[in-house]
C-alpha atoms as a PDB file:
ATOM      1  CA  MET A   1      22.861  -5.529 -21.184  1.00  0.00           C
ATOM      2  CA  LEU A   2      20.975  -2.260 -21.307  1.00  0.00           C
ATOM      3  CA  GLU A   3      18.674  -1.382 -24.154  1.00  0.00           C
ATOM      4  CA  PRO A   4      20.476   0.798 -26.737  1.00  0.00           C
ATOM      5  CA  SER A   5      18.367   3.804 -25.691  1.00  0.00           C
ATOM      6  CA  PHE A   6      20.410   3.894 -22.439  1.00  0.00           C
ATOM      7  CA  HIS A   7      23.849   3.724 -24.096  1.00  0.00           C
ATOM      8  CA  GLY A   8      24.147   7.518 -24.094  1.00  0.00           C
ATOM      9  CA  ALA A   9      23.388   7.919 -20.368  1.00  0.00           C
ATOM     10  CA  ARG A  10      25.974  10.072 -18.586  1.00  0.00           C
ATOM     11  CA  ARG A  11      24.462  10.375 -15.107  1.00  0.00           C
ATOM     12  CA  ALA A  12      22.979   7.957 -12.597  1.00  0.00           C
ATOM     13  CA  SER A  13      21.177   8.262  -9.307  1.00  0.00           C
ATOM     14  CA  TRP A  14      20.079   5.667  -6.790  1.00  0.00           C
ATOM     15  CA  THR A  15      19.262   5.173  -3.135  1.00  0.00           C
ATOM     16  CA  TRP A  16      21.025   2.541  -1.120  1.00  0.00           C
ATOM     17  CA  GLN A  17      20.581   1.408   2.446  1.00  0.00           C
ATOM     18  CA  VAL A  18      22.679  -0.844   4.654  1.00  0.00           C
ATOM     19  CA  ASP A  19      21.185  -2.169   7.884  1.00  0.00           C
ATOM     20  CA  ARG A  20      23.966  -4.692   8.593  1.00  0.00           C
ATOM     21  CA  SER A  21      27.534  -4.011   7.456  1.00  0.00           C
ATOM     22  CA  VAL A  22      30.760  -5.864   6.834  1.00  0.00           C
ATOM     23  CA  PRO A  23      33.834  -4.455   8.609  1.00  0.00           C
ATOM     24  CA  PRO A  24      36.292  -2.261   6.665  1.00  0.00           C
ATOM     25  CA  SER A  25      38.355  -4.393   4.277  1.00  0.00           C
ATOM     26  CA  ASP A  26      41.202  -4.189   1.772  1.00  0.00           C
ATOM     27  CA  LEU A  27      39.491  -4.072  -1.619  1.00  0.00           C
ATOM     28  CA  SER A  28      42.836  -4.417  -3.405  1.00  0.00           C
ATOM     29  CA  ARG A  29      43.348  -8.022  -2.217  1.00  0.00           C
ATOM     30  CA  ILE A  30      41.511 -11.157  -3.318  1.00  0.00           C
ATOM     31  CA  GLY A  31      40.233 -12.848  -0.194  1.00  0.00           C
ATOM     32  CA  ALA A  32      39.842  -9.556   1.654  1.00  0.00           C
ATOM     33  CA  ASP A  33      37.647  -7.596  -0.755  1.00  0.00           C
ATOM     34  CA  ASP A  34      34.291  -7.586   1.048  1.00  0.00           C
ATOM     35  CA  CYS A  35      32.010  -4.583   0.697  1.00  0.00           C
ATOM     36  CA  ASN A  36      28.438  -3.734   1.604  1.00  0.00           C
ATOM     37  CA  LEU A  37      27.309  -2.714  -1.856  1.00  0.00           C
ATOM     38  CA  GLY A  38      28.716  -1.956  -5.254  1.00  0.00           C
ATOM     39  CA  MET A  39      26.984  -0.314  -8.191  1.00  0.00           C
ATOM     40  CA  PHE A  40      28.655  -1.466 -11.448  1.00  0.00           C
ATOM     41  CA  PHE A  41      28.508   0.704 -14.576  1.00  0.00           C
ATOM     42  CA  VAL A  42      29.981  -0.896 -17.717  1.00  0.00           C
ATOM     43  CA  SER A  43      31.280   1.010 -20.755  1.00  0.00           C
ATOM     44  CA  LEU A  44      32.164  -0.436 -24.159  1.00  0.00           C
ATOM     45  CA  ASP A  45      33.240   1.186 -27.425  1.00  0.00           C
ATOM     46  CA  ALA A  46      30.874   0.991 -30.428  1.00  0.00           C
ATOM     47  CA  ARG A  47      32.787  -1.805 -32.163  1.00  0.00           C
ATOM     48  CA  SER A  48      32.757  -3.966 -29.034  1.00  0.00           C
ATOM     49  CA  VAL A  49      29.055  -3.324 -28.352  1.00  0.00           C
ATOM     50  CA  ASP A  50      28.231  -4.776 -31.758  1.00  0.00           C
ATOM     51  CA  ARG A  51      30.080  -7.995 -30.852  1.00  0.00           C
ATOM     52  CA  VAL A  52      28.299  -8.561 -27.517  1.00  0.00           C
ATOM     53  CA  SER A  53      25.063 -10.525 -27.518  1.00  0.00           C
ATOM     54  CA  PRO A  54      21.928  -9.053 -25.930  1.00  0.00           C
ATOM     55  CA  GLY A  55      21.416 -10.636 -22.519  1.00  0.00           C
ATOM     56  CA  THR A  56      25.136 -10.990 -21.796  1.00  0.00           C
ATOM     57  CA  ASN A  57      25.586 -11.046 -18.022  1.00  0.00           C
ATOM     58  CA  ILE A  58      27.861  -8.854 -15.923  1.00  0.00           C
ATOM     59  CA  ARG A  59      30.265 -11.721 -15.198  1.00  0.00           C
ATOM     60  CA  SER A  60      30.906 -12.187 -18.933  1.00  0.00           C
ATOM     61  CA  LEU A  61      31.344  -8.450 -19.408  1.00  0.00           C
ATOM     62  CA  MET A  62      33.936  -8.438 -16.626  1.00  0.00           C
ATOM     63  CA  THR A  63      36.142 -10.720 -18.733  1.00  0.00           C
ATOM     64  CA  ASN A  64      35.727  -8.622 -21.889  1.00  0.00           C
ATOM     65  CA  ARG A  65      39.056  -6.825 -22.381  1.00  0.00           C
ATOM     66  CA  ALA A  66      37.315  -3.883 -24.080  1.00  0.00           C
ATOM     67  CA  ALA A  67      35.046  -3.223 -21.089  1.00  0.00           C
ATOM     68  CA  ARG A  68      35.713  -0.554 -18.480  1.00  0.00           C
ATOM     69  CA  ILE A  69      33.764  -1.167 -15.291  1.00  0.00           C
ATOM     70  CA  LEU A  70      33.358   1.515 -12.662  1.00  0.00           C
ATOM     71  CA  MET A  71      32.013   0.327  -9.315  1.00  0.00           C
ATOM     72  CA  TYR A  72      30.730   2.909  -6.862  1.00  0.00           C
ATOM     73  CA  THR A  73      31.549   1.122  -3.629  1.00  0.00           C
ATOM     74  CA  TRP A  74      30.114   1.286  -0.129  1.00  0.00           C
ATOM     75  CA  GLY A  75      32.846  -0.296   1.940  1.00  0.00           C
ATOM     76  CA  GLY A  76      36.570  -0.860   1.999  1.00  0.00           C
ATOM     77  CA  ASN A  77      39.119   0.706   4.303  1.00  0.00           C
ATOM     78  CA  THR A  78      39.955   3.893   2.397  1.00  0.00           C
ATOM     79  CA  PRO A  79      38.252   7.304   2.417  1.00  0.00           C
ATOM     80  CA  PRO A  80      35.468   8.260  -0.004  1.00  0.00           C
ATOM     81  CA  GLY A  81      36.855   9.467  -3.329  1.00  0.00           C
ATOM     82  CA  THR A  82      39.688   6.914  -3.326  1.00  0.00           C
ATOM     83  CA  VAL A  83      40.087   4.789  -6.458  1.00  0.00           C
ATOM     84  CA  VAL A  84      40.985   1.156  -5.749  1.00  0.00           C
ATOM     85  CA  PRO A  85      41.745  -1.132  -8.716  1.00  0.00           C
ATOM     86  CA  SER A  86      40.032  -4.488  -8.335  1.00  0.00           C
ATOM     87  CA  PRO A  87      42.414  -7.412  -7.843  1.00  0.00           C
ATOM     88  CA  HIS A  88      40.184  -9.389 -10.231  1.00  0.00           C
ATOM     89  CA  ALA A  89      40.824  -7.089 -13.233  1.00  0.00           C
ATOM     90  CA  GLN A  90      42.997  -4.104 -12.263  1.00  0.00           C
ATOM     91  CA  ASP A  91      43.074  -2.550 -15.713  1.00  0.00           C
ATOM     92  CA  ARG A  92      39.310  -2.830 -16.336  1.00  0.00           C
ATOM     93  CA  LEU A  93      37.475  -2.845 -12.986  1.00  0.00           C
ATOM     94  CA  ARG A  94      37.957  -0.060 -10.487  1.00  0.00           C
ATOM     95  CA  ASN A  95      36.260   0.790  -7.202  1.00  0.00           C
ATOM     96  CA  LEU A  96      35.423   4.414  -6.552  1.00  0.00           C
ATOM     97  CA  ILE A  97      34.905   4.484  -2.811  1.00  0.00           C
ATOM     98  CA  THR A  98      31.637   6.300  -2.222  1.00  0.00           C
ATOM     99  CA  ARG A  99      30.830   5.371   1.396  1.00  0.00           C
ATOM    100  CA  GLU A 100      32.910   3.927   4.203  1.00  0.00           C
ATOM    101  CA  ALA A 101      31.871   0.570   5.658  1.00  0.00           C
ATOM    102  CA  GLY A 102      28.961   1.068   8.050  1.00  0.00           C
ATOM    103  CA  THR A 103      25.212   1.423   8.070  1.00  0.00           C
ATOM    104  CA  GLY A 104      22.861   4.127   6.865  1.00  0.00           C
ATOM    105  CA  ARG A 105      20.692   5.260   3.969  1.00  0.00           C
ATOM    106  CA  PHE A 106      21.906   7.611   1.247  1.00  0.00           C
ATOM    107  CA  ALA A 107      20.722   8.989  -2.074  1.00  0.00           C
ATOM    108  CA  GLU A 108      23.581   9.190  -4.573  1.00  0.00           C
ATOM    109  CA  GLN A 109      23.989  11.186  -7.757  1.00  0.00           C
ATOM    110  CA  ALA A 110      26.867  10.189 -10.006  1.00  0.00           C
ATOM    111  CA  ASP A 111      28.357  12.006 -12.961  1.00  0.00           C
ATOM    112  CA  LEU A 112      29.386   8.883 -14.854  1.00  0.00           C
ATOM    113  CA  ALA A 113      31.130  10.824 -17.622  1.00  0.00           C
ATOM    114  CA  ALA A 114      33.351  12.761 -15.203  1.00  0.00           C
ATOM    115  CA  ASP A 115      34.021   9.726 -13.023  1.00  0.00           C
ATOM    116  CA  PHE A 116      35.047   7.466 -15.940  1.00  0.00           C
ATOM    117  CA  LEU A 117      37.502  10.149 -17.006  1.00  0.00           C
ATOM    118  CA  LYS A 118      38.837  10.493 -13.434  1.00  0.00           C
ATOM    119  CA  VAL A 119      39.100   6.763 -12.773  1.00  0.00           C
ATOM    120  CA  PHE A 120      40.251   5.436 -16.168  1.00  0.00           C
ATOM    121  CA  GLY A 121      41.600   8.520 -17.916  1.00  0.00           C
ATOM    122  CA  GLN A 122      39.154   7.685 -20.706  1.00  0.00           C
ATOM    123  CA  LEU A 123      35.775   8.987 -21.734  1.00  0.00           C
ATOM    124  CA  LEU A 124      32.665   6.969 -20.999  1.00  0.00           C
ATOM    125  CA  ASP A 125      31.747   5.526 -24.391  1.00  0.00           C
ATOM    126  CA  ARG A 126      28.527   3.497 -24.389  1.00  0.00           C
ATOM    127  CA  LEU A 127      26.917   2.560 -21.087  1.00  0.00           C
ATOM    128  CA  VAL A 128      25.930  -1.040 -21.755  1.00  0.00           C
ATOM    129  CA  ALA A 129      25.207  -2.556 -18.335  1.00  0.00           C
ATOM    130  CA  VAL A 130      24.429  -1.730 -14.724  1.00  0.00           C
ATOM    131  CA  ALA A 131      24.479  -4.173 -11.818  1.00  0.00           C
ATOM    132  CA  ALA A 132      24.400  -4.151  -8.033  1.00  0.00           C
ATOM    133  CA  SER A 133      26.322  -6.527  -5.782  1.00  0.00           C
ATOM    134  CA  SER A 134      27.366  -7.186  -2.225  1.00  0.00           C
ATOM    135  CA  ASN A 135      30.165  -9.377  -0.915  1.00  0.00           C
ATOM    136  CA  SER A 136      30.687 -10.819   2.538  1.00  0.00           C
ATOM    137  CA  GLU A 137      32.341 -14.129   1.675  1.00  0.00           C
ATOM    138  CA  ASN A 138      35.604 -13.327   3.460  1.00  0.00           C
ATOM    139  CA  THR A 139      34.246 -12.283   6.845  1.00  0.00           C
ATOM    140  CA  PRO A 140      31.759 -13.820   9.248  1.00  0.00           C
ATOM    141  CA  ALA A 141      29.567 -10.724   8.788  1.00  0.00           C
ATOM    142  CA  ARG A 142      26.250 -10.811   6.978  1.00  0.00           C
ATOM    143  CA  ILE A 143      25.090  -7.846   4.939  1.00  0.00           C
ATOM    144  CA  LYS A 144      21.528  -6.600   4.969  1.00  0.00           C
ATOM    145  CA  ALA A 145      21.166  -3.989   2.238  1.00  0.00           C
ATOM    146  CA  THR A 146      18.925  -2.661  -0.526  1.00  0.00           C
ATOM    147  CA  VAL A 147      19.264  -0.533  -3.644  1.00  0.00           C
ATOM    148  CA  SER A 148      16.293   1.369  -5.043  1.00  0.00           C
ATOM    149  CA  ALA A 149      15.224   4.206  -7.316  1.00  0.00           C
ATOM    150  CA  LEU A 150      17.952   3.729  -9.929  1.00  0.00           C
ATOM    151  CA  THR A 151      17.698   6.240 -12.770  1.00  0.00           C
ATOM    152  CA  LEU A 152      19.927   6.823 -15.783  1.00  0.00           C
ATOM    153  CA  THR A 153      19.948  10.080 -17.759  1.00  0.00           C
END
């Protein structure tokens, strides 16, 4: 969970680098949803924030029905800008494809407020958590990647 001083953040920036990539995959199917990197941004309404304990991890937030989780995704098999609902929680967790599977280094700037509206049709309420992940469990590929210089404003 983020400190309350970050709950009003509406923009994010970060740098990510992939030196070894998974192949393109179908992010809409469990068992095929490998991606190089994902940056998770979690929104909750004020009432729900008050019911979540400090230190709650991202996995617990993913099961919270009030949470909306936007994942900027480097990977998949669809073009950048595509929204792919996660098969793990289609109504609450959505991939916004940011980069196609492959290697490289990029600095990203995200308008969280605009993207939550685009992806969920709802305003970003309180930004309560941020996490990074990678997933190569469904392919023989191994990912080598880093995320750095994360800022929230």
